[in-house]
Amino acid sequence: MTRKPEVVRSVLEGVAYSLRSVGELLKEKSGGEIKEVYLSGGGAASNVWRQIFADIFGVKVRTLKHSEKGGSLGAAMLAGVGIKFWKKLEDAVESLEVVYENEHNPESHEKYERLFRIYEKLYPILKPAFDLTS
């Protein structure tokens, strides 16, 4: 029988996989790579949540001071770049204090990498079923 902690973890992993998919699209379109991930929002205070992201993405995960403000902090930083308070967004990010850093675990990343490839194949097959609920 599946217990509540396992169900909760699977939801967290599903969200991280979904964002990893977005990251893969961005990498494909830009020709770049993901060197690190920044988490924000209330969930970023959870070490488990941060470690799942680090292991799924295979990179360092950082959480910045005041990141619980989520999107409003990002919007303020973009506005600061827009009015030339900072020359570029990277300067704005560097001005904030890192409160948590999680390195990825290579063994966990390898496991998640195999499972991510399955996720990538299953999602397009299951997507039409998701549309039936609307």
C-alpha atoms as a PDB file:
ATOM      1  CA  MET A   1       0.000   0.000   0.000  1.00  0.00           C
ATOM      2  CA  THR A   2       1.207   3.488  -0.853  1.00  0.00           C
ATOM      3  CA  ARG A   3       1.439   5.781   2.151  1.00  0.00           C
ATOM      4  CA  LYS A   4       0.848   9.527   2.319  1.00  0.00           C
ATOM      5  CA  PRO A   5       4.574  10.494   2.368  1.00  0.00           C
ATOM      6  CA  GLU A   6       5.164   8.487  -0.822  1.00  0.00           C
ATOM      7  CA  VAL A   7       2.204  10.141  -2.557  1.00  0.00           C
ATOM      8  CA  VAL A   8       3.400  13.602  -1.505  1.00  0.00           C
ATOM      9  CA  ARG A   9       6.928  12.864  -2.731  1.00  0.00           C
ATOM     10  CA  SER A  10       5.583  11.639  -6.067  1.00  0.00           C
ATOM     11  CA  VAL A  11       3.703  14.935  -6.485  1.00  0.00           C
ATOM     12  CA  LEU A  12       6.881  16.900  -5.725  1.00  0.00           C
ATOM     13  CA  GLU A  13       8.825  14.773  -8.203  1.00  0.00           C
ATOM     14  CA  GLY A  14       6.106  15.253 -10.834  1.00  0.00           C
ATOM     15  CA  VAL A  15       6.300  19.039 -10.480  1.00  0.00           C
ATOM     16  CA  ALA A  16      10.093  18.918 -10.748  1.00  0.00           C
ATOM     17  CA  TYR A  17       9.869  16.703 -13.851  1.00  0.00           C
ATOM     18  CA  SER A  18       7.401  19.128 -15.407  1.00  0.00           C
ATOM     19  CA  LEU A  19       9.772  22.047 -14.833  1.00  0.00           C
ATOM     20  CA  ARG A  20      12.690  19.957 -16.096  1.00  0.00           C
ATOM     21  CA  SER A  21      10.690  19.450 -19.317  1.00  0.00           C
ATOM     22  CA  VAL A  22      10.375  23.222 -19.650  1.00  0.00           C
ATOM     23  CA  GLY A  23      14.107  23.523 -19.012  1.00  0.00           C
ATOM     24  CA  GLU A  24      14.811  20.978 -21.743  1.00  0.00           C
ATOM     25  CA  LEU A  25      12.728  23.012 -24.213  1.00  0.00           C
ATOM     26  CA  LEU A  26      14.605  26.178 -23.275  1.00  0.00           C
ATOM     27  CA  LYS A  27      17.943  24.383 -23.728  1.00  0.00           C
ATOM     28  CA  GLU A  28      16.827  23.118 -27.131  1.00  0.00           C
ATOM     29  CA  LYS A  29      15.684  26.563 -28.318  1.00  0.00           C
ATOM     30  CA  SER A  30      18.625  28.510 -26.926  1.00  0.00           C
ATOM     31  CA  GLY A  31      21.418  26.010 -27.462  1.00  0.00           C
ATOM     32  CA  GLY A  32      22.468  26.649 -23.872  1.00  0.00           C
ATOM     33  CA  GLU A  33      22.581  24.507 -20.787  1.00  0.00           C
ATOM     34  CA  ILE A  34      21.181  24.598 -17.279  1.00  0.00           C
ATOM     35  CA  LYS A  35      24.055  25.333 -14.926  1.00  0.00           C
ATOM     36  CA  GLU A  36      22.049  25.923 -11.749  1.00  0.00           C
ATOM     37  CA  VAL A  37      18.462  26.234 -10.595  1.00  0.00           C
ATOM     38  CA  TYR A  38      16.954  28.879  -8.331  1.00  0.00           C
ATOM     39  CA  LEU A  39      13.864  27.975  -6.337  1.00  0.00           C
ATOM     40  CA  SER A  40      11.370  30.424  -4.914  1.00  0.00           C
ATOM     41  CA  GLY A  41       8.119  30.355  -3.027  1.00  0.00           C
ATOM     42  CA  GLY A  42       7.251  28.767   0.291  1.00  0.00           C
ATOM     43  CA  GLY A  43       8.222  25.266  -0.838  1.00  0.00           C
ATOM     44  CA  ALA A  44      11.819  26.412  -1.347  1.00  0.00           C
ATOM     45  CA  ALA A  45      12.238  26.344   2.441  1.00  0.00           C
ATOM     46  CA  SER A  46      11.939  22.537   2.311  1.00  0.00           C
ATOM     47  CA  ASN A  47      15.253  20.706   2.086  1.00  0.00           C
ATOM     48  CA  VAL A  48      13.455  17.683   0.587  1.00  0.00           C
ATOM     49  CA  TRP A  49      11.924  19.849  -2.162  1.00  0.00           C
ATOM     50  CA  ARG A  50      15.270  21.479  -2.957  1.00  0.00           C
ATOM     51  CA  GLN A  51      17.081  18.132  -3.038  1.00  0.00           C
ATOM     52  CA  ILE A  52      14.508  16.631  -5.407  1.00  0.00           C
ATOM     53  CA  PHE A  53      15.117  19.526  -7.808  1.00  0.00           C
ATOM     54  CA  ALA A  54      18.899  19.219  -7.483  1.00  0.00           C
ATOM     55  CA  ASP A  55      18.771  15.488  -8.160  1.00  0.00           C
ATOM     56  CA  ILE A  56      16.306  15.708 -11.063  1.00  0.00           C
ATOM     57  CA  PHE A  57      18.117  18.581 -12.790  1.00  0.00           C
ATOM     58  CA  GLY A  58      21.587  17.296 -11.884  1.00  0.00           C
ATOM     59  CA  VAL A  59      22.788  20.757 -10.894  1.00  0.00           C
ATOM     60  CA  LYS A  60      23.194  22.924  -7.812  1.00  0.00           C
ATOM     61  CA  VAL A  61      19.946  24.389  -6.490  1.00  0.00           C
ATOM     62  CA  ARG A  62      19.990  27.753  -4.744  1.00  0.00           C
ATOM     63  CA  THR A  63      17.352  29.540  -2.757  1.00  0.00           C
ATOM     64  CA  LEU A  64      17.721  33.265  -2.284  1.00  0.00           C
ATOM     65  CA  LYS A  65      16.787  35.375   0.703  1.00  0.00           C
ATOM     66  CA  HIS A  66      13.213  36.676   0.315  1.00  0.00           C
ATOM     67  CA  SER A  67      12.464  34.027  -2.306  1.00  0.00           C
ATOM     68  CA  GLU A  68       9.262  33.148  -0.450  1.00  0.00           C
ATOM     69  CA  LYS A  69       7.926  36.250  -2.177  1.00  0.00           C
ATOM     70  CA  GLY A  70       8.006  34.183  -5.370  1.00  0.00           C
ATOM     71  CA  GLY A  71       7.004  35.985  -8.538  1.00  0.00           C
ATOM     72  CA  SER A  72       6.813  39.428  -6.971  1.00  0.00           C
ATOM     73  CA  LEU A  73      10.540  39.347  -6.231  1.00  0.00           C
ATOM     74  CA  GLY A  74      11.274  38.361  -9.836  1.00  0.00           C
ATOM     75  CA  ALA A  75       8.986  41.108 -11.133  1.00  0.00           C
ATOM     76  CA  ALA A  76      10.721  43.670  -8.937  1.00  0.00           C
ATOM     77  CA  MET A  77      14.111  42.515 -10.205  1.00  0.00           C
ATOM     78  CA  LEU A  78      12.958  42.754 -13.818  1.00  0.00           C
ATOM     79  CA  ALA A  79      11.656  46.259 -13.131  1.00  0.00           C
ATOM     80  CA  GLY A  80      15.023  47.153 -11.606  1.00  0.00           C
ATOM     81  CA  VAL A  81      16.751  46.027 -14.796  1.00  0.00           C
ATOM     82  CA  GLY A  82      14.173  47.945 -16.846  1.00  0.00           C
ATOM     83  CA  ILE A  83      14.912  51.223 -15.068  1.00  0.00           C
ATOM     84  CA  LYS A  84      18.669  50.521 -15.240  1.00  0.00           C
ATOM     85  CA  PHE A  85      19.088  49.987 -11.475  1.00  0.00           C
ATOM     86  CA  TRP A  86      20.959  46.855 -12.592  1.00  0.00           C
ATOM     87  CA  LYS A  87      22.552  46.469 -16.020  1.00  0.00           C
ATOM     88  CA  LYS A  88      21.349  42.881 -16.408  1.00  0.00           C
ATOM     89  CA  LEU A  89      19.245  40.340 -14.546  1.00  0.00           C
ATOM     90  CA  GLU A  90      22.334  38.384 -13.467  1.00  0.00           C
ATOM     91  CA  ASP A  91      23.507  41.475 -11.552  1.00  0.00           C
ATOM     92  CA  ALA A  92      20.180  41.609  -9.720  1.00  0.00           C
ATOM     93  CA  VAL A  93      20.388  37.928  -8.786  1.00  0.00           C
ATOM     94  CA  GLU A  94      23.973  38.299  -7.592  1.00  0.00           C
ATOM     95  CA  SER A  95      22.899  41.111  -5.264  1.00  0.00           C
ATOM     96  CA  LEU A  96      20.695  38.720  -3.278  1.00  0.00           C
ATOM     97  CA  GLU A  97      21.902  36.520  -0.458  1.00  0.00           C
ATOM     98  CA  VAL A  98      21.846  32.755  -0.994  1.00  0.00           C
ATOM     99  CA  VAL A  99      20.265  31.116   2.064  1.00  0.00           C
ATOM    100  CA  TYR A 100      20.257  27.475   0.888  1.00  0.00           C
ATOM    101  CA  GLU A 101      22.360  25.494  -1.560  1.00  0.00           C
ATOM    102  CA  ASN A 102      21.789  21.874  -2.464  1.00  0.00           C
ATOM    103  CA  GLU A 103      24.262  19.899  -4.559  1.00  0.00           C
ATOM    104  CA  HIS A 104      22.877  17.019  -6.581  1.00  0.00           C
ATOM    105  CA  ASN A 105      23.594  13.445  -5.555  1.00  0.00           C
ATOM    106  CA  PRO A 106      25.078  11.689  -8.632  1.00  0.00           C
ATOM    107  CA  GLU A 107      23.468   8.327  -7.768  1.00  0.00           C
ATOM    108  CA  SER A 108      20.044   9.899  -7.274  1.00  0.00           C
ATOM    109  CA  HIS A 109      20.463  11.952 -10.438  1.00  0.00           C
ATOM    110  CA  GLU A 110      21.243   8.818 -12.434  1.00  0.00           C
ATOM    111  CA  LYS A 111      18.059   7.145 -11.135  1.00  0.00           C
ATOM    112  CA  TYR A 112      15.967  10.243 -11.822  1.00  0.00           C
ATOM    113  CA  GLU A 113      17.521  10.560 -15.279  1.00  0.00           C
ATOM    114  CA  ARG A 114      16.319   7.071 -16.232  1.00  0.00           C
ATOM    115  CA  LEU A 115      12.866   7.826 -14.827  1.00  0.00           C
ATOM    116  CA  PHE A 116      12.750  11.212 -16.599  1.00  0.00           C
ATOM    117  CA  ARG A 117      13.218   9.477 -19.955  1.00  0.00           C
ATOM    118  CA  ILE A 118      10.165   7.333 -19.130  1.00  0.00           C
ATOM    119  CA  TYR A 119       8.246  10.469 -18.065  1.00  0.00           C
ATOM    120  CA  GLU A 120       9.102  12.119 -21.391  1.00  0.00           C
ATOM    121  CA  LYS A 121       7.689   9.172 -23.337  1.00  0.00           C
ATOM    122  CA  LEU A 122       4.550   8.763 -21.199  1.00  0.00           C
ATOM    123  CA  TYR A 123       3.451  12.388 -21.018  1.00  0.00           C
ATOM    124  CA  PRO A 124       2.480  12.796 -24.718  1.00  0.00           C
ATOM    125  CA  ILE A 125       0.646   9.468 -24.609  1.00  0.00           C
ATOM    126  CA  LEU A 126      -1.344  10.438 -21.497  1.00  0.00           C
ATOM    127  CA  LYS A 127      -1.996  14.091 -22.400  1.00  0.00           C
ATOM    128  CA  PRO A 128      -5.259  13.375 -24.303  1.00  0.00           C
ATOM    129  CA  ALA A 129      -6.613  11.690 -21.157  1.00  0.00           C
ATOM    130  CA  PHE A 130      -5.788  14.810 -19.111  1.00  0.00           C
ATOM    131  CA  ASP A 131      -7.870  16.887 -21.541  1.00  0.00           C
ATOM    132  CA  LEU A 132     -10.938  14.731 -20.807  1.00  0.00           C
ATOM    133  CA  THR A 133     -11.221  16.205 -17.324  1.00  0.00           C
ATOM    134  CA  SER A 134     -11.913  19.731 -18.595  1.00  0.00           C
END
